[in-house]
Protein backbone atom coordinates (compact mmCIF):
# COMPACT_ATOMS: atom_id res chain seq x y z
CA MET A 1 7.11 10.59 -23.11
CA PRO A 2 6.96 13.53 -20.61
CA VAL A 3 10.50 14.52 -21.63
CA MET A 4 9.57 14.53 -25.33
CA LEU A 5 6.44 16.55 -24.55
CA ARG A 6 8.45 19.17 -22.66
CA LEU A 7 10.96 19.37 -25.51
CA PHE A 8 8.19 19.88 -28.06
CA ARG A 9 6.62 22.59 -25.92
CA SER A 10 9.98 24.34 -25.63
CA PHE A 11 9.94 24.79 -29.40
CA SER A 12 6.25 25.56 -29.83
CA GLY A 13 5.16 27.51 -26.77
CA ALA A 14 3.08 26.66 -23.74
CA ARG A 15 -0.47 27.52 -24.74
CA PRO A 16 -1.80 25.67 -27.82
CA PRO A 17 -4.17 27.48 -30.17
CA HIS A 18 -7.53 26.08 -31.15
CA VAL A 19 -7.07 22.61 -32.65
CA ALA A 20 -9.20 23.32 -35.72
CA VAL A 21 -7.30 26.51 -36.51
CA THR A 22 -3.97 24.75 -36.14
CA ALA A 23 -5.02 21.79 -38.27
CA SER A 24 -6.33 24.08 -41.01
CA ALA A 25 -3.18 26.20 -41.01
CA VAL A 26 -0.84 23.21 -41.09
CA CYS A 27 -2.78 21.42 -43.83
CA GLY A 28 -3.01 24.58 -45.91
CA ALA A 29 0.71 25.29 -45.58
CA LEU A 30 1.61 21.71 -46.49
CA LEU A 31 -0.61 21.83 -49.58
CA LEU A 32 1.02 25.10 -50.65
CA ALA A 33 4.53 23.68 -50.17
CA PHE A 34 3.77 20.27 -51.66
CA ALA A 35 2.84 21.41 -55.17
CA PRO A 36 6.17 23.11 -56.08
CA LEU A 37 8.06 20.41 -54.19
CA VAL A 38 6.59 17.75 -56.46
CA GLY A 39 7.12 19.90 -59.54
CA LEU A 40 10.79 20.55 -58.76
CA ARG A 41 11.63 17.12 -57.33
CA GLY A 42 13.97 16.53 -60.29
CA PHE A 43 16.28 19.41 -59.37
CA MET A 44 19.84 18.63 -58.33
CA VAL A 45 23.37 20.01 -58.42
CA ASP A 46 26.70 18.30 -58.89
CA ASP A 47 27.69 18.85 -55.25
CA ALA A 48 24.83 16.63 -54.09
CA LEU A 49 26.56 13.68 -55.75
CA ILE A 50 29.81 14.57 -53.95
CA ILE A 51 27.95 14.19 -50.64
CA ALA A 52 26.38 10.96 -51.91
CA ARG A 53 29.75 9.47 -52.87
CA VAL A 54 31.26 10.27 -49.45
CA ALA A 55 28.16 8.89 -47.71
CA HIS A 56 28.38 5.73 -49.83
CA HIS A 57 32.01 5.25 -48.81
CA VAL A 58 31.06 5.76 -45.15
CA ALA A 59 28.26 3.20 -45.49
CA THR A 60 30.52 0.63 -47.16
CA GLY A 61 33.33 0.95 -44.60
CA PHE A 62 35.84 3.12 -46.48
CA GLY A 63 35.30 6.10 -44.18
CA HIS A 64 35.02 9.82 -44.90
CA ARG A 65 36.74 9.68 -48.29
CA PHE A 66 35.84 10.96 -51.72
CA ASN A 67 38.12 8.37 -53.36
CA ALA A 68 37.76 4.93 -51.79
CA THR A 69 41.54 4.37 -51.78
CA GLY A 70 42.43 8.02 -51.18
CA PRO A 71 42.99 9.99 -47.98
CA VAL A 72 40.34 11.14 -45.53
CA VAL A 73 39.36 14.58 -46.86
CA ASP A 74 37.10 17.46 -45.85
CA ALA A 75 34.94 17.07 -48.93
CA VAL A 76 31.62 18.24 -47.44
CA THR A 77 30.98 21.62 -45.80
CA PRO A 78 28.30 20.45 -43.30
CA LEU A 79 30.60 18.37 -41.12
CA GLY A 80 29.03 15.02 -40.21
CA TRP A 81 26.17 15.20 -42.71
CA PRO A 82 27.46 12.24 -44.83
CA TYR A 83 27.32 10.02 -41.74
CA PHE A 84 23.64 10.84 -41.34
CA VAL A 85 22.94 10.16 -45.02
CA ALA A 86 24.97 6.94 -44.80
CA ILE A 87 22.34 5.43 -42.49
CA PHE A 88 19.99 5.35 -45.48
CA ALA A 89 22.60 5.24 -48.25
CA GLY A 90 22.34 1.65 -49.43
CA THR A 91 24.90 0.11 -51.76
CA SER A 92 25.53 2.76 -54.41
CA VAL A 93 26.22 6.47 -54.85
CA LEU A 94 22.86 7.01 -56.54
CA ARG A 95 20.99 5.29 -53.71
CA ALA A 96 22.74 7.59 -51.25
CA PHE A 97 21.69 10.52 -53.41
CA VAL A 98 18.04 9.41 -53.46
CA ALA A 99 18.12 8.95 -49.68
CA ALA A 100 19.44 12.49 -49.26
CA LYS A 101 16.64 13.84 -51.46
CA TRP A 102 14.00 12.14 -49.30
CA LEU A 103 15.64 13.38 -46.10
CA GLY A 104 15.70 16.94 -47.39
CA ALA A 105 12.08 16.88 -48.57
CA ALA A 106 10.82 15.36 -45.30
CA SER A 107 12.77 17.93 -43.27
CA TYR A 108 11.29 20.76 -45.31
CA LEU A 109 7.72 19.55 -44.82
CA LEU A 110 8.34 19.28 -41.07
CA ALA A 111 9.63 22.86 -41.12
CA VAL A 112 6.49 24.02 -42.94
CA SER A 113 4.28 22.27 -40.39
CA TRP A 114 6.10 23.87 -37.47
CA LEU A 115 6.03 27.30 -39.10
CA ALA A 116 2.27 27.15 -39.70
CA ARG A 117 1.72 26.08 -36.10
CA ALA A 118 3.91 28.94 -34.87
CA LEU A 119 1.89 31.47 -36.86
CA CYS A 120 -1.26 30.22 -35.16
CA ARG A 121 0.23 31.44 -31.86
CA LEU A 122 0.81 34.97 -33.12
CA PRO A 123 -1.83 37.52 -32.15
CA GLY A 124 -3.91 39.37 -34.68
CA ARG A 125 -6.28 38.84 -37.57
CA ALA A 126 -6.32 35.98 -40.08
CA ALA A 127 -4.21 38.12 -42.44
CA ARG A 128 -1.16 36.89 -40.54
CA PHE A 129 -1.40 33.66 -42.55
CA ALA A 130 -1.12 35.49 -45.89
CA PRO A 131 2.73 35.33 -46.03
CA LEU A 132 2.43 31.54 -46.18
CA LEU A 133 1.35 32.01 -49.80
CA LEU A 134 5.05 32.39 -50.61
CA LEU A 135 5.42 28.65 -50.03
CA GLY A 136 3.26 27.96 -53.07
CA CYS A 137 5.52 29.82 -55.50
CA SER A 138 9.00 29.59 -53.97
CA ALA A 139 11.31 27.78 -56.37
CA PRO A 140 14.33 28.09 -54.00
CA LEU A 141 12.58 26.37 -51.08
CA ALA A 142 11.04 23.58 -53.16
CA ALA A 143 14.06 22.92 -55.37
CA TRP A 144 16.68 22.91 -52.64
CA ALA A 145 14.56 20.82 -50.29
CA ALA A 146 14.64 17.96 -52.84
CA SER A 147 18.09 18.64 -54.29
CA GLY A 148 20.01 15.97 -52.38
CA MET A 149 21.93 18.64 -50.47
CA GLU A 150 21.65 19.31 -46.75
CA THR A 151 19.56 22.45 -47.35
CA GLY A 152 16.20 20.92 -46.41
CA PHE A 153 17.54 19.89 -43.01
CA ILE A 154 19.11 23.34 -42.51
CA VAL A 155 15.73 24.91 -43.31
CA LEU A 156 14.21 22.77 -40.55
CA LEU A 157 16.81 23.87 -37.99
CA CYS A 158 16.47 27.54 -38.99
CA THR A 159 12.70 27.26 -38.62
CA LEU A 160 12.91 25.65 -35.17
CA ALA A 161 15.29 28.48 -34.21
CA LEU A 162 12.39 30.94 -34.50
CA THR A 163 11.02 29.94 -31.11
CA SER A 164 11.48 32.64 -28.48
CA HIS A 165 12.71 30.08 -25.96
CA ARG A 166 16.34 29.19 -25.33
CA ALA A 167 15.87 26.03 -27.39
CA GLY A 168 15.79 28.32 -30.43
CA ALA A 169 19.39 29.36 -29.77
CA MET A 170 20.38 25.69 -29.71
CA ALA A 171 18.72 25.04 -33.07
CA ALA A 172 20.35 28.16 -34.54
CA GLY A 173 23.73 27.00 -33.25
CA LEU A 174 23.34 23.56 -34.81
CA ALA A 175 22.47 25.16 -38.16
CA ALA A 176 25.53 27.43 -37.94
CA GLY A 177 27.69 24.46 -37.03
CA LEU A 178 26.70 22.77 -40.28
CA ARG A 179 26.72 25.93 -42.45
CA PRO A 180 29.39 28.47 -41.28
CA GLU A 181 27.85 31.36 -43.24
CA LEU A 182 24.93 31.16 -40.78
CA ILE A 183 27.11 32.09 -37.78
CA PRO A 184 26.26 35.85 -37.86
CA TRP A 185 22.55 35.02 -38.17
CA ALA A 186 22.73 32.57 -35.24
CA VAL A 187 24.58 35.05 -32.99
CA VAL A 188 22.22 37.95 -33.71
CA LEU A 189 19.12 35.78 -33.31
CA ALA A 190 20.23 34.05 -30.11
CA PHE A 191 21.52 37.22 -28.45
CA GLY A 192 18.59 39.36 -29.63
CA SER A 193 16.03 36.86 -28.38
CA ALA A 194 17.81 36.66 -25.03
CA VAL A 195 17.70 40.44 -24.76
CA ALA A 196 14.00 40.37 -25.63
CA ARG A 197 13.45 37.85 -22.82
CA ARG A 198 15.35 40.23 -20.50
CA GLU A 199 17.89 37.59 -19.62
CA ARG A 200 20.55 38.36 -17.04
CA PRO A 201 24.22 38.55 -18.15
CA LEU A 202 24.66 34.83 -17.52
CA GLY A 203 21.66 34.10 -19.72
CA LEU A 204 23.09 36.30 -22.49
CA LEU A 205 26.38 34.42 -22.33
CA LEU A 206 24.56 31.10 -22.42
CA ALA A 207 22.65 32.20 -25.52
CA LEU A 208 25.92 33.13 -27.25
CA ALA A 209 27.42 29.80 -26.20
CA CYS A 210 24.47 27.94 -27.74
CA ALA A 211 24.85 29.92 -30.98
CA LEU A 212 28.62 29.60 -31.29
CA GLY A 213 29.31 26.28 -29.57
CA PRO A 214 28.56 23.89 -32.48
CA ALA A 215 30.49 26.04 -34.97
CA LEU A 216 33.51 26.15 -32.65
CA ALA A 217 33.26 22.38 -32.11
CA ALA A 218 33.18 21.85 -35.87
CA ALA A 219 36.23 24.11 -36.32
CA VAL A 220 38.20 22.24 -33.64
CA THR A 221 37.21 18.88 -35.15
CA ARG A 222 38.22 20.01 -38.63
CA SER A 223 41.54 21.31 -37.34
CA ALA A 224 42.28 18.03 -35.58
CA ILE A 225 41.29 15.75 -38.47
CA PHE A 226 41.95 17.79 -41.61
CA GLY A 227 44.55 20.31 -40.45
CA GLN A 228 42.48 23.48 -40.91
CA ALA A 229 39.54 24.99 -39.05
CA ALA A 230 37.64 26.33 -42.07
CA PRO A 231 35.90 24.06 -44.61
CA LEU A 232 38.05 23.07 -47.57
CA SER A 233 35.50 24.65 -49.92
CA SER A 234 36.33 28.10 -48.51
CA LEU A 235 39.92 27.60 -49.65
CA ALA A 236 38.98 26.14 -53.02
CA LYS A 237 36.43 28.90 -53.71
CA PRO A 238 37.83 32.20 -52.39
CA SER A 239 35.27 34.92 -51.68
CA ASP A 240 34.60 37.75 -54.11
CA LEU A 241 32.96 40.88 -52.68
CA GLU A 242 31.59 42.04 -56.03
CA HIS A 243 29.98 38.68 -56.72
CA GLY A 244 28.75 38.60 -53.14
CA ALA A 245 26.97 41.95 -53.56
CA VAL A 246 25.24 40.80 -56.75
CA TYR A 247 24.27 37.53 -55.08
CA ALA A 248 22.92 39.13 -51.87
CA ILE A 249 20.87 41.74 -53.74
CA GLY A 250 19.53 39.17 -56.20
CA ALA A 251 18.63 36.80 -53.37
CA ALA A 252 16.87 39.55 -51.38
CA PHE A 253 14.53 40.22 -54.31
CA GLY A 254 14.46 36.82 -56.05
CA THR A 255 13.41 34.91 -52.93
CA GLY A 256 10.78 37.50 -52.03
CA ALA A 257 12.39 38.09 -48.62
CA LEU A 258 12.94 41.85 -48.98
CA PRO A 259 9.34 42.76 -49.94
CA LEU A 260 8.02 40.72 -47.01
CA LEU A 261 10.19 42.64 -44.56
CA CYS A 262 9.59 46.17 -45.87
CA ALA A 263 7.42 47.67 -43.13
CA LEU A 264 9.50 50.20 -41.20
CA ARG A 265 6.68 51.51 -38.99
CA GLY A 266 5.52 48.01 -38.12
CA TYR A 267 8.77 47.14 -36.37
CA TRP A 268 8.03 49.68 -33.62
CA ARG A 269 4.85 47.76 -32.75
CA VAL A 270 6.03 44.12 -32.80
CA ASP A 271 7.71 42.43 -29.84
CA GLY A 272 11.46 42.27 -29.24
CA HIS A 273 11.78 38.68 -30.41
CA THR A 274 10.29 39.50 -33.81
CA ARG A 275 12.70 42.42 -34.17
CA ALA A 276 15.58 40.07 -33.30
CA VAL A 277 14.46 37.65 -36.03
CA ALA A 278 14.31 40.50 -38.56
CA LEU A 279 17.77 41.76 -37.58
CA SER A 280 19.18 38.24 -37.89
CA VAL A 281 17.85 37.97 -41.46
CA GLY A 282 19.59 41.25 -42.29
CA ALA A 283 22.81 39.97 -40.71
CA HIS A 284 22.65 36.88 -42.89
CA PHE A 285 22.39 38.85 -46.12
CA ILE A 286 25.43 40.91 -45.04
CA ALA A 287 27.24 37.62 -44.40
CA LEU A 288 26.33 36.43 -47.92
CA LEU A 289 27.79 39.63 -49.33
CA LEU A 290 31.08 39.15 -47.44
CA ALA A 291 31.22 35.41 -48.21
CA GLY A 292 31.03 36.07 -51.96
CA GLY A 293 27.68 34.37 -52.48
CA ASP A 294 27.42 31.07 -54.26
CA TRP A 295 27.61 29.82 -57.86
CA MET A 296 24.60 27.53 -57.49
CA ALA A 297 21.22 28.44 -58.92
CA LEU A 298 18.13 29.57 -57.00
CA TYR A 299 19.87 31.33 -54.11
CA ARG A 300 20.76 28.28 -52.05
CA LEU A 301 22.51 30.19 -49.27
CA ALA A 302 19.53 32.51 -48.71
CA THR A 303 16.89 29.77 -48.75
CA PRO A 304 17.15 28.68 -45.06
CA LEU A 305 16.09 32.15 -43.89
CA LEU A 306 12.85 32.31 -45.89
CA PRO A 307 10.76 30.79 -43.05
CA ALA A 308 12.15 33.55 -40.81
CA ALA A 309 11.06 36.18 -43.34
CA ILE A 310 7.57 34.63 -43.43
CA PHE A 311 7.46 34.61 -39.62
CA VAL A 312 8.36 38.30 -39.38
CA ALA A 313 5.92 39.23 -42.15
CA SER A 314 3.15 37.41 -40.28
CA ALA A 315 3.94 39.28 -37.07
CA LEU A 316 3.94 42.57 -39.00
CA ALA A 317 0.54 41.71 -40.50
CA ALA A 318 -1.00 41.95 -37.04
CA GLU A 319 0.21 45.55 -36.78
CA SER A 320 -0.31 46.73 -40.36
CA PRO A 321 -3.32 47.70 -42.47
CA LEU A 322 -4.69 44.94 -44.63
CA LEU A 323 -3.77 46.83 -47.77
CA ALA A 324 -0.12 47.10 -46.71
CA THR A 325 0.05 43.42 -45.83
CA GLY A 326 -1.55 42.45 -49.12
CA GLY A 327 0.87 44.64 -51.05
CA ARG A 328 3.94 43.12 -49.39
CA VAL A 329 2.73 39.56 -49.90
CA ALA A 330 1.67 40.22 -53.50
CA CYS A 331 5.05 41.76 -54.35
CA ALA A 332 6.96 38.87 -52.74
CA CYS A 333 4.84 36.27 -54.51
CA ALA A 334 5.15 38.08 -57.85
CA LEU A 335 8.95 38.09 -57.65
CA SER A 336 9.03 34.45 -56.56
CA SER A 337 6.61 33.46 -59.30
CA PHE A 338 8.81 35.19 -61.86
CA VAL A 339 11.82 33.13 -60.71
CA LEU A 340 9.68 29.97 -60.72
CA MET A 341 8.39 30.57 -64.25
CA THR A 342 11.75 31.57 -65.75
CA THR A 343 13.93 28.88 -64.14
CA GLY A 344 11.56 26.24 -62.81
CA GLY A 345 11.14 24.38 -66.09
CA ARG A 346 14.88 23.93 -66.60
CA ALA A 347 15.51 23.19 -62.92
CA ALA A 348 12.90 20.42 -62.84
CA HIS A 349 14.73 18.39 -65.50
CA VAL A 350 18.33 18.79 -64.31
CA GLY A 351 18.28 15.49 -62.42
CA GLU A 352 16.88 13.58 -65.38
CA HIS A 353 19.62 14.93 -67.66
CA ARG A 354 22.36 14.19 -65.11
CA LEU A 355 21.20 10.62 -64.59
CA THR A 356 21.20 10.06 -68.35
CA LEU A 357 24.71 11.52 -68.52
CA ILE A 358 25.88 9.20 -65.74
CA GLU A 359 24.56 6.12 -67.52
CA ARG A 360 26.15 7.12 -70.84
CA ALA A 361 29.48 7.76 -69.13
CA ARG A 362 29.78 4.35 -67.48
CA ARG A 363 31.15 2.63 -70.59
CA PRO A 364 33.87 5.17 -71.58
CA LEU A 365 34.93 5.40 -67.91
CA ALA A 366 34.82 1.65 -67.24
CA ALA A 367 38.59 1.09 -67.66
CA ALA A 368 39.67 4.34 -66.01
CA ARG A 369 42.05 4.24 -63.06
CA SER A 370 42.36 7.98 -62.40
CA VAL A 371 40.01 10.60 -63.88
CA ALA A 372 40.69 14.36 -63.94
CA ALA A 373 37.49 16.44 -64.01
CA LEU A 374 36.01 19.67 -62.78
CA ASP A 375 32.41 18.49 -62.37
CA ILE A 376 33.33 15.58 -60.15
CA GLY A 377 29.90 14.80 -58.69
CA TRP A 378 28.36 13.05 -61.68
CA VAL A 379 31.74 11.61 -62.69
CA GLY A 380 32.05 10.09 -59.20
CA ALA A 381 28.62 8.50 -59.60
CA ALA A 382 29.59 7.01 -62.99
CA THR A 383 32.85 5.35 -61.94
CA PRO A 384 34.50 4.02 -58.77
CA ALA A 385 37.89 5.15 -60.12
CA ALA A 386 40.01 7.70 -58.29
CA ILE A 387 39.14 11.26 -59.30
CA VAL A 388 41.45 14.27 -59.44
CA ASP A 389 39.27 17.23 -58.53
CA LEU A 390 40.34 20.15 -60.76
CA ALA A 391 38.33 22.55 -58.56
CA GLY A 392 39.99 21.43 -55.33
CA VAL A 393 36.70 21.09 -53.44
CA THR A 394 37.69 17.56 -52.34
CA ASP A 395 41.46 17.82 -52.84
CA PRO A 396 43.58 19.98 -50.46
CA ALA A 397 46.57 19.99 -52.83
CA VAL A 398 44.50 21.48 -55.68
CA ALA A 399 42.53 23.78 -53.35
CA ARG A 400 45.76 25.52 -52.32
CA LEU A 401 46.75 26.29 -55.91
CA ALA A 402 46.35 29.83 -57.24
CA GLY A 403 43.08 30.73 -58.97
CA GLY A 404 39.38 30.28 -58.38
CA HIS A 405 37.64 26.93 -58.35
CA THR A 406 37.31 26.97 -62.16
CA SER A 407 40.77 28.40 -62.85
CA LYS A 408 43.22 26.46 -60.67
CA ARG A 409 46.77 26.44 -62.01
CA VAL A 410 47.05 22.69 -62.25
CA SER A 411 50.49 21.43 -63.31
CA ARG A 412 51.56 18.56 -65.57
CA ASP A 413 53.52 17.14 -62.64
CA LEU A 414 50.36 16.86 -60.52
CA LEU A 415 48.51 14.99 -63.27
CA GLU A 416 51.44 12.62 -63.73
CA ARG A 417 51.82 11.96 -60.00
CA ARG A 418 48.12 11.12 -59.77
CA GLY A 419 48.38 8.75 -62.73
CA VAL A 420 45.58 10.43 -64.67
CA ASP A 421 44.58 8.28 -67.65
CA VAL A 422 41.18 9.87 -68.47
CA LEU A 423 40.20 13.53 -68.82
CA VAL A 424 36.58 14.71 -68.64
CA LEU A 425 36.33 18.26 -70.00
CA LEU A 426 33.30 20.40 -70.89
CA LEU A 427 33.15 22.15 -74.25
CA ALA A 428 31.97 25.76 -74.35
CA LYS A 429 28.35 26.44 -75.33
CA GLY A 430 27.64 25.58 -78.95
CA GLN A 431 31.26 24.61 -79.63
CA PRO A 432 32.16 21.41 -81.54
CA LEU A 433 35.14 19.15 -80.94
CA ARG A 434 38.03 20.34 -83.12
CA ARG A 435 41.10 18.61 -84.52
CA PRO A 436 43.47 18.30 -82.83
CA TRP A 437 41.21 17.88 -79.82
CA TRP A 438 43.17 20.16 -77.46
CA THR A 439 42.50 23.19 -79.71
CA SER A 440 38.78 22.94 -78.93
CA GLN A 441 37.10 25.77 -77.00
CA PHE A 442 36.57 24.41 -73.50
CA ASP A 443 34.17 26.00 -71.04
CA ARG A 444 36.37 26.78 -68.00
CA VAL A 445 39.90 28.10 -67.64
CA VAL A 446 41.29 25.06 -65.83
CA GLU A 447 39.90 22.74 -68.52
CA ARG A 448 41.68 24.73 -71.23
CA ARG A 449 44.88 24.51 -69.21
CA VAL A 450 44.59 20.75 -68.69
CA ALA A 451 43.87 20.22 -72.40
CA THR A 452 47.05 22.12 -73.28
CA LEU A 453 49.08 20.12 -70.73
CA ALA A 454 47.79 16.86 -72.25
CA SER A 455 48.39 17.87 -75.86
CA GLU A 456 51.60 15.85 -76.08
CA LEU A 457 50.13 12.66 -74.64
CA THR A 458 49.08 9.70 -76.76
CA VAL A 459 45.32 9.47 -77.03
CA ARG A 460 43.73 6.04 -76.82
CA SER A 461 40.14 7.16 -77.41
CA ILE A 462 37.90 10.22 -77.49
CA GLU A 463 34.17 10.18 -76.83
CA LEU A 464 31.54 12.91 -76.69
CA LEU A 465 28.77 12.92 -74.08
CA PRO A 466 25.95 15.44 -74.62
CA LEU A 467 24.87 17.43 -71.58
CA GLY A 468 21.10 17.16 -71.74
CA GLY A 469 19.04 20.33 -71.78
CA THR A 470 21.94 22.41 -73.15
CA ASP A 471 23.98 22.79 -76.32
CA GLN A 472 27.14 21.61 -74.55
CA GLN A 473 29.09 18.34 -74.62
CA TYR A 474 31.61 16.66 -72.38
CA VAL A 475 34.76 15.25 -73.99
CA VAL A 476 36.09 12.04 -72.46
CA VAL A 477 39.75 11.68 -73.47
CA ALA A 478 41.57 8.47 -72.56
CA VAL A 479 45.34 8.98 -72.68
CA GLN A 480 48.33 6.68 -72.56
CA GLN A 481 50.39 6.94 -69.37
C-alpha cells in the first residue's frame, strides 16, 4: 500500500487540494465527458476489428496472427496491445472488439479524472476549469475512446505524462512505444520538463532514456520477430506530405487545440513545465504533418494530445484576463461543436451498420477458404477463413508492393498462390452492379485491378451486401479455382 501511495503521488503531486474542490472538479469533468461518450459509443473503424481478430487468435492459442493458419505478422501498430485485449477477449472476434471498447472508455474516464484533479493543483482563479468544457463537445475524444482501438488507453498515458515529475517521462515513453508518431512529443515533453526542473546532465539523459526507451525496445522486438523495426502499417501506407499538412491543419482547428493554445503573452508568465507541455503539443502536430496524417475520421492521431491542450489552457487562464480565457474556450468549443454536429450523427451509427453487415456476410462467406478484400476488419469478423489483405496492413508481401494502401499492384499470381476463391469488393458511391460484373465501377484502385484480374475466372455466385448509412454496396464474388 505505501508503494502504491508513493506511485500515485508521483503522478499527482505532493500537496492535495481541498477535498470538496477536487471532488466537484472530478465529478463535473466526468459528467461533461460522459454525455458525448454515451452518444458516440457506436463509433468504430475497420481497424478495430483487425485488432480484435488478432486478440481473439491470441486468446484461443493461435498466437499473434491475423489468419489462424497463417504466419505471425505485425498486424497491429501498438505492439503488445492485442495481448492486453486478449485477457478480456472471450471466444469470438466480436467479443474481443467489445472488450476493447470497454477498455478504451474506462481508460478515457480515468484520464479525465486525473486531468481534473491536476487542474485543481494549478494556481489561480476558478476560470482555470473553463477549458474542461471542451470535454462536453469533443467528438474525437468521445468517439475514439469507445472505438475499439487503443486510443483511449493512449489518451490515459498522455494525460499521466503531464505530471512535472520524472514519472511523466515514463508515461510519455510508454505512449510513444505504442504509437511511434508520439516519439517527438515524448522527447520534447520529457526533456523540457527535466530542464524546467533544473535537472543535471545525468537527469536530462535519464529523461531522454525514459522517453525513447520503450520505442527503441519496440523497434528491436519488431526487428527480431518480424524482420523490420518500423510497424508494417508504415510500409503499407507510405506518408504523403501534402495530405499530412491538410490533416495537421484540420486537426489543429477541428479538435479545438489551436484556439486553446493561442495566448502568446501568457507563455511568458507560466512555469517552465507548462511551456514544455505546449512545445510538445506543437512538436506532435509537426510529426503528424511529416507522417502524412491518417485516413480515419475525427483526427485520431491528434486526439491523445487534447488533455495536454486543456492543461496548458488552464495554466494560461491563471495568467490571462477573463475575457481572453473565455474567448479561447468559446472558440475551441464552437469548432468542436461544429465537428460534433456535422459528423457525430453518422459516427454514432457506424458500429450498428458494420455489425449488420457482418451478420449478412456470414452466409455468402460460409464456404470461403481464402477471401481477398481491402476492408479486412469486418470481413475477418464475418468468417474464420484466411484473408488476403489487399491493403497490405497485415500482409508483408502485399505491403511491399508499389502503390498506396488502396492502390497496391496486386498480381494474378499472388491471388492464385493464396488460393483466393472469394472476392469482396466495394462499389463506388451510387453505382450499381453491371454485367459483366468486372465492368462495374469499384471504389478503390486495387479493387478495380483485382476485378480485371478475375474477369476470366468462372463465377460460382455473386451477392450484394449494402453498406448501411451510405449508398454503397459490397460485391461478394465466389470464383472457381
